[in-house]
Amino acid sequence: MKVCFSPIWKATVDPRVIETTLACYQRLAPGFRRLGPPVRVDFLPFGELGKIRRKALAEMIRNRA
C-alpha cells in the first residue's frame, strides 16, 4: 500500500512559491519520500503555545472533501 503525504499551505502563500519549493524537494527526494499535491487552507489552527493543532487541521482537511 502506497502512502502519499500532501504538504499543507496557507491560502495566502503565492502559488509560484509553493510550486518552486515542491519542485526542488521532489527533485532531491527518493521515490518513497515524494509528496502528493499541495493542500491549501484558509488558516492554520494554532494552540495557546503556538503549535499547530494537528487534530483540528486534519478535521478541516477531511471536511473539505
PDB file of N, CA and C in Angstrom:
ATOM      1  N   MET A   1       0.844  -1.179   0.000  1.00  0.00           N
ATOM      2  CA  MET A   1       0.000   0.000   0.000  1.00  0.00           C
ATOM      3  C   MET A   1       0.889   1.243   0.000  1.00  0.00           C
ATOM      4  N   LYS A   2       0.679   2.112  -0.964  1.00  0.00           N
ATOM      5  CA  LYS A   2       1.478   3.327  -1.074  1.00  0.00           C
ATOM      6  C   LYS A   2       0.800   4.453  -0.296  1.00  0.00           C
ATOM      7  N   VAL A   3       1.557   5.088   0.572  1.00  0.00           N
ATOM      8  CA  VAL A   3       1.045   6.215   1.347  1.00  0.00           C
ATOM      9  C   VAL A   3       1.644   7.484   0.769  1.00  0.00           C
ATOM     10  N   CYS A   4       0.798   8.456   0.526  1.00  0.00           N
ATOM     11  CA  CYS A   4       1.257   9.712  -0.053  1.00  0.00           C
ATOM     12  C   CYS A   4       0.879  10.858   0.880  1.00  0.00           C
ATOM     13  N   PHE A   5       1.842  11.638   1.258  1.00  0.00           N
ATOM     14  CA  PHE A   5       1.594  12.782   2.127  1.00  0.00           C
ATOM     15  C   PHE A   5       1.532  14.052   1.289  1.00  0.00           C
ATOM     16  N   SER A   6       0.598  14.904   1.608  1.00  0.00           N
ATOM     17  CA  SER A   6       0.456  16.172   0.898  1.00  0.00           C
ATOM     18  C   SER A   6       0.834  17.317   1.826  1.00  0.00           C
ATOM     19  N   PRO A   7       1.703  18.212   1.370  1.00  0.00           N
ATOM     20  CA  PRO A   7       2.050  19.362   2.200  1.00  0.00           C
ATOM     21  C   PRO A   7       0.865  20.318   2.307  1.00  0.00           C
ATOM     22  N   ILE A   8       0.741  20.966   3.441  1.00  0.00           N
ATOM     23  CA  ILE A   8      -0.366  21.886   3.692  1.00  0.00           C
ATOM     24  C   ILE A   8       0.179  23.309   3.703  1.00  0.00           C
ATOM     25  N   TRP A   9      -0.471  24.180   2.950  1.00  0.00           N
ATOM     26  CA  TRP A   9      -0.048  25.568   2.820  1.00  0.00           C
ATOM     27  C   TRP A   9      -1.206  26.485   3.143  1.00  0.00           C
ATOM     28  N   LYS A  10      -0.899  27.601   3.745  1.00  0.00           N
ATOM     29  CA  LYS A  10      -1.895  28.637   3.994  1.00  0.00           C
ATOM     30  C   LYS A  10      -2.282  29.253   2.646  1.00  0.00           C
ATOM     31  N   ALA A  11      -3.548  29.568   2.472  1.00  0.00           N
ATOM     32  CA  ALA A  11      -4.062  30.051   1.184  1.00  0.00           C
ATOM     33  C   ALA A  11      -3.395  31.343   0.716  1.00  0.00           C
ATOM     34  N   THR A  12      -2.820  32.108   1.624  1.00  0.00           N
ATOM     35  CA  THR A  12      -2.201  33.383   1.248  1.00  0.00           C
ATOM     36  C   THR A  12      -0.807  33.228   0.637  1.00  0.00           C
ATOM     37  N   VAL A  13      -0.243  32.027   0.672  1.00  0.00           N
ATOM     38  CA  VAL A  13       1.092  31.803   0.103  1.00  0.00           C
ATOM     39  C   VAL A  13       0.988  31.823  -1.422  1.00  0.00           C
ATOM     40  N   ASP A  14       1.909  32.524  -2.049  1.00  0.00           N
ATOM     41  CA  ASP A  14       1.943  32.641  -3.507  1.00  0.00           C
ATOM     42  C   ASP A  14       2.075  31.246  -4.135  1.00  0.00           C
ATOM     43  N   PRO A  15       1.191  30.881  -5.071  1.00  0.00           N
ATOM     44  CA  PRO A  15       1.255  29.556  -5.704  1.00  0.00           C
ATOM     45  C   PRO A  15       2.592  29.277  -6.389  1.00  0.00           C
ATOM     46  N   ARG A  16       3.262  30.315  -6.890  1.00  0.00           N
ATOM     47  CA  ARG A  16       4.572  30.112  -7.526  1.00  0.00           C
ATOM     48  C   ARG A  16       5.618  29.682  -6.508  1.00  0.00           C
ATOM     49  N   VAL A  17       5.518  30.205  -5.295  1.00  0.00           N
ATOM     50  CA  VAL A  17       6.445  29.802  -4.229  1.00  0.00           C
ATOM     51  C   VAL A  17       6.216  28.330  -3.885  1.00  0.00           C
ATOM     52  N   ILE A  18       4.959  27.937  -3.787  1.00  0.00           N
ATOM     53  CA  ILE A  18       4.635  26.536  -3.492  1.00  0.00           C
ATOM     54  C   ILE A  18       5.188  25.633  -4.583  1.00  0.00           C
ATOM     55  N   GLU A  19       4.931  25.992  -5.826  1.00  0.00           N
ATOM     56  CA  GLU A  19       5.383  25.183  -6.957  1.00  0.00           C
ATOM     57  C   GLU A  19       6.904  25.051  -6.983  1.00  0.00           C
ATOM     58  N   THR A  20       7.609  26.156  -6.798  1.00  0.00           N
ATOM     59  CA  THR A  20       9.074  26.143  -6.813  1.00  0.00           C
ATOM     60  C   THR A  20       9.635  25.321  -5.660  1.00  0.00           C
ATOM     61  N   THR A  21       9.084  25.517  -4.478  1.00  0.00           N
ATOM     62  CA  THR A  21       9.551  24.791  -3.295  1.00  0.00           C
ATOM     63  C   THR A  21       9.357  23.290  -3.461  1.00  0.00           C
ATOM     64  N   LEU A  22       8.169  22.895  -3.901  1.00  0.00           N
ATOM     65  CA  LEU A  22       7.892  21.466  -4.063  1.00  0.00           C
ATOM     66  C   LEU A  22       8.712  20.854  -5.189  1.00  0.00           C
ATOM     67  N   ALA A  23       8.946  21.599  -6.262  1.00  0.00           N
ATOM     68  CA  ALA A  23       9.765  21.089  -7.362  1.00  0.00           C
ATOM     69  C   ALA A  23      11.186  20.800  -6.885  1.00  0.00           C
ATOM     70  N   CYS A  24      11.750  21.692  -6.080  1.00  0.00           N
ATOM     71  CA  CYS A  24      13.097  21.472  -5.527  1.00  0.00           C
ATOM     72  C   CYS A  24      13.118  20.240  -4.634  1.00  0.00           C
ATOM     73  N   TYR A  25      12.113  20.113  -3.783  1.00  0.00           N
ATOM     74  CA  TYR A  25      12.051  18.962  -2.878  1.00  0.00           C
ATOM     75  C   TYR A  25      11.907  17.663  -3.672  1.00  0.00           C
ATOM     76  N   GLN A  26      10.981  17.638  -4.627  1.00  0.00           N
ATOM     77  CA  GLN A  26      10.718  16.410  -5.383  1.00  0.00           C
ATOM     78  C   GLN A  26      11.949  15.982  -6.180  1.00  0.00           C
ATOM     79  N   ARG A  27      12.718  16.948  -6.666  1.00  0.00           N
ATOM     80  CA  ARG A  27      13.917  16.632  -7.441  1.00  0.00           C
ATOM     81  C   ARG A  27      14.955  15.904  -6.582  1.00  0.00           C
ATOM     82  N   LEU A  28      15.022  16.244  -5.296  1.00  0.00           N
ATOM     83  CA  LEU A  28      16.031  15.660  -4.411  1.00  0.00           C
ATOM     84  C   LEU A  28      15.536  14.453  -3.617  1.00  0.00           C
ATOM     85  N   ALA A  29      14.227  14.300  -3.494  1.00  0.00           N
ATOM     86  CA  ALA A  29      13.665  13.249  -2.641  1.00  0.00           C
ATOM     87  C   ALA A  29      13.655  11.900  -3.356  1.00  0.00           C
ATOM     88  N   PRO A  30      14.038  10.828  -2.638  1.00  0.00           N
ATOM     89  CA  PRO A  30      13.891   9.497  -3.230  1.00  0.00           C
ATOM     90  C   PRO A  30      12.402   9.177  -3.387  1.00  0.00           C
ATOM     91  N   GLY A  31      12.089   8.211  -4.237  1.00  0.00           N
ATOM     92  CA  GLY A  31      10.703   7.890  -4.567  1.00  0.00           C
ATOM     93  C   GLY A  31       9.772   7.720  -3.386  1.00  0.00           C
ATOM     94  N   PHE A  32      10.226   7.029  -2.333  1.00  0.00           N
ATOM     95  CA  PHE A  32       9.345   6.774  -1.196  1.00  0.00           C
ATOM     96  C   PHE A  32       9.121   8.013  -0.336  1.00  0.00           C
ATOM     97  N   ARG A  33       9.853   9.088  -0.589  1.00  0.00           N
ATOM     98  CA  ARG A  33       9.697  10.335   0.173  1.00  0.00           C
ATOM     99  C   ARG A  33       8.981  11.427  -0.625  1.00  0.00           C
ATOM    100  N   ARG A  34       8.519  11.089  -1.814  1.00  0.00           N
ATOM    101  CA  ARG A  34       7.849  12.085  -2.644  1.00  0.00           C
ATOM    102  C   ARG A  34       6.522  12.496  -2.019  1.00  0.00           C
ATOM    103  N   LEU A  35       6.099  13.711  -2.311  1.00  0.00           N
ATOM    104  CA  LEU A  35       4.872  14.261  -1.738  1.00  0.00           C
ATOM    105  C   LEU A  35       3.750  14.287  -2.762  1.00  0.00           C
ATOM    106  N   GLY A  36       2.530  14.300  -2.261  1.00  0.00           N
ATOM    107  CA  GLY A  36       1.356  14.439  -3.116  1.00  0.00           C
ATOM    108  C   GLY A  36       1.133  15.900  -3.443  1.00  0.00           C
ATOM    109  N   PRO A  37       0.034  16.195  -4.121  1.00  0.00           N
ATOM    110  CA  PRO A  37      -0.255  17.590  -4.465  1.00  0.00           C
ATOM    111  C   PRO A  37      -0.501  18.427  -3.215  1.00  0.00           C
ATOM    112  N   PRO A  38      -0.163  19.708  -3.258  1.00  0.00           N
ATOM    113  CA  PRO A  38      -0.337  20.560  -2.075  1.00  0.00           C
ATOM    114  C   PRO A  38      -1.809  20.783  -1.734  1.00  0.00           C
ATOM    115  N   VAL A  39      -2.069  20.966  -0.451  1.00  0.00           N
ATOM    116  CA  VAL A  39      -3.405  21.279   0.051  1.00  0.00           C
ATOM    117  C   VAL A  39      -3.341  22.695   0.598  1.00  0.00           C
ATOM    118  N   ARG A  40      -4.297  23.541   0.196  1.00  0.00           N
ATOM    119  CA  ARG A  40      -4.324  24.930   0.671  1.00  0.00           C
ATOM    120  C   ARG A  40      -5.504  25.111   1.608  1.00  0.00           C
ATOM    121  N   VAL A  41      -5.253  25.747   2.738  1.00  0.00           N
ATOM    122  CA  VAL A  41      -6.304  26.019   3.721  1.00  0.00           C
ATOM    123  C   VAL A  41      -6.350  27.523   3.994  1.00  0.00           C
ATOM    124  N   ASP A  42      -7.519  27.993   4.426  1.00  0.00           N
ATOM    125  CA  ASP A  42      -7.685  29.429   4.681  1.00  0.00           C
ATOM    126  C   ASP A  42      -6.867  29.910   5.873  1.00  0.00           C
ATOM    127  N   PHE A  43      -6.737  29.061   6.884  1.00  0.00           N
ATOM    128  CA  PHE A  43      -5.946  29.429   8.059  1.00  0.00           C
ATOM    129  C   PHE A  43      -5.396  28.166   8.705  1.00  0.00           C
ATOM    130  N   LEU A  44      -4.354  28.341   9.488  1.00  0.00           N
ATOM    131  CA  LEU A  44      -3.770  27.236  10.247  1.00  0.00           C
ATOM    132  C   LEU A  44      -4.176  27.401  11.709  1.00  0.00           C
ATOM    133  N   PRO A  45      -4.796  26.375  12.296  1.00  0.00           N
ATOM    134  CA  PRO A  45      -5.229  26.483  13.692  1.00  0.00           C
ATOM    135  C   PRO A  45      -4.046  26.314  14.651  1.00  0.00           C
ATOM    136  N   PHE A  46      -3.814  27.313  15.473  1.00  0.00           N
ATOM    137  CA  PHE A  46      -2.729  27.268  16.450  1.00  0.00           C
ATOM    138  C   PHE A  46      -3.302  27.180  17.855  1.00  0.00           C
ATOM    139  N   GLY A  47      -2.603  26.454  18.724  1.00  0.00           N
ATOM    140  CA  GLY A  47      -2.985  26.364  20.128  1.00  0.00           C
ATOM    141  C   GLY A  47      -2.372  27.501  20.928  1.00  0.00           C
ATOM    142  N   GLU A  48      -2.592  27.469  22.222  1.00  0.00           N
ATOM    143  CA  GLU A  48      -2.115  28.526  23.120  1.00  0.00           C
ATOM    144  C   GLU A  48      -0.596  28.639  23.149  1.00  0.00           C
ATOM    145  N   LEU A  49       0.108  27.539  22.919  1.00  0.00           N
ATOM    146  CA  LEU A  49       1.570  27.546  22.961  1.00  0.00           C
ATOM    147  C   LEU A  49       2.202  27.818  21.595  1.00  0.00           C
ATOM    148  N   GLY A  50       1.373  28.141  20.602  1.00  0.00           N
ATOM    149  CA  GLY A  50       1.895  28.473  19.285  1.00  0.00           C
ATOM    150  C   GLY A  50       2.126  27.286  18.369  1.00  0.00           C
ATOM    151  N   LYS A  51       1.709  26.098  18.784  1.00  0.00           N
ATOM    152  CA  LYS A  51       1.870  24.910  17.952  1.00  0.00           C
ATOM    153  C   LYS A  51       0.625  24.718  17.090  1.00  0.00           C
ATOM    154  N   ILE A  52       0.834  24.154  15.901  1.00  0.00           N
ATOM    155  CA  ILE A  52      -0.311  23.866  15.039  1.00  0.00           C
ATOM    156  C   ILE A  52      -1.132  22.752  15.674  1.00  0.00           C
ATOM    157  N   ARG A  53      -2.433  22.953  15.735  1.00  0.00           N
ATOM    158  CA  ARG A  53      -3.347  21.946  16.282  1.00  0.00           C
ATOM    159  C   ARG A  53      -3.623  20.933  15.176  1.00  0.00           C
ATOM    160  N   ARG A  54      -2.842  19.847  15.170  1.00  0.00           N
ATOM    161  CA  ARG A  54      -2.881  18.872  14.088  1.00  0.00           C
ATOM    162  C   ARG A  54      -4.233  18.196  13.950  1.00  0.00           C
ATOM    163  N   LYS A  55      -4.870  17.905  15.079  1.00  0.00           N
ATOM    164  CA  LYS A  55      -6.175  17.249  15.028  1.00  0.00           C
ATOM    165  C   LYS A  55      -7.204  18.166  14.365  1.00  0.00           C
ATOM    166  N   ALA A  56      -7.199  19.439  14.721  1.00  0.00           N
ATOM    167  CA  ALA A  56      -8.124  20.405  14.122  1.00  0.00           C
ATOM    168  C   ALA A  56      -7.822  20.594  12.636  1.00  0.00           C
ATOM    169  N   LEU A  57      -6.546  20.611  12.279  1.00  0.00           N
ATOM    170  CA  LEU A  57      -6.157  20.759  10.879  1.00  0.00           C
ATOM    171  C   LEU A  57      -6.614  19.551  10.064  1.00  0.00           C
ATOM    172  N   ALA A  58      -6.415  18.355  10.603  1.00  0.00           N
ATOM    173  CA  ALA A  58      -6.858  17.137   9.910  1.00  0.00           C
ATOM    174  C   ALA A  58      -8.368  17.151   9.709  1.00  0.00           C
ATOM    175  N   GLU A  59      -9.099  17.613  10.701  1.00  0.00           N
ATOM    176  CA  GLU A  59     -10.560  17.694  10.599  1.00  0.00           C
ATOM    177  C   GLU A  59     -10.974  18.704   9.523  1.00  0.00           C
ATOM    178  N   MET A  60     -10.266  19.833   9.449  1.00  0.00           N
ATOM    179  CA  MET A  60     -10.554  20.835   8.416  1.00  0.00           C
ATOM    180  C   MET A  60     -10.383  20.240   7.022  1.00  0.00           C
ATOM    181  N   ILE A  61      -9.294  19.509   6.835  1.00  0.00           N
ATOM    182  CA  ILE A  61      -9.000  18.923   5.525  1.00  0.00           C
ATOM    183  C   ILE A  61     -10.001  17.823   5.195  1.00  0.00           C
ATOM    184  N   ARG A  62     -10.340  17.011   6.175  1.00  0.00           N
ATOM    185  CA  ARG A  62     -11.304  15.928   5.969  1.00  0.00           C
ATOM    186  C   ARG A  62     -12.672  16.490   5.563  1.00  0.00           C
ATOM    187  N   ASN A  63     -13.081  17.601   6.149  1.00  0.00           N
ATOM    188  CA  ASN A  63     -14.387  18.191   5.860  1.00  0.00           C
ATOM    189  C   ASN A  63     -14.435  18.927   4.526  1.00  0.00           C
ATOM    190  N   ARG A  64     -13.280  19.195   3.926  1.00  0.00           N
ATOM    191  CA  ARG A  64     -13.238  19.882   2.631  1.00  0.00           C
ATOM    192  C   ARG A  64     -13.737  18.993   1.508  1.00  0.00           C
ATOM    193  N   ALA A  65     -13.469  17.707   1.608  1.00  0.00           N
ATOM    194  CA  ALA A  65     -13.806  16.768   0.514  1.00  0.00           C
ATOM    195  C   ALA A  65     -15.276  16.459   0.457  1.00  0.00           C
TER     196      ALA A  65
END
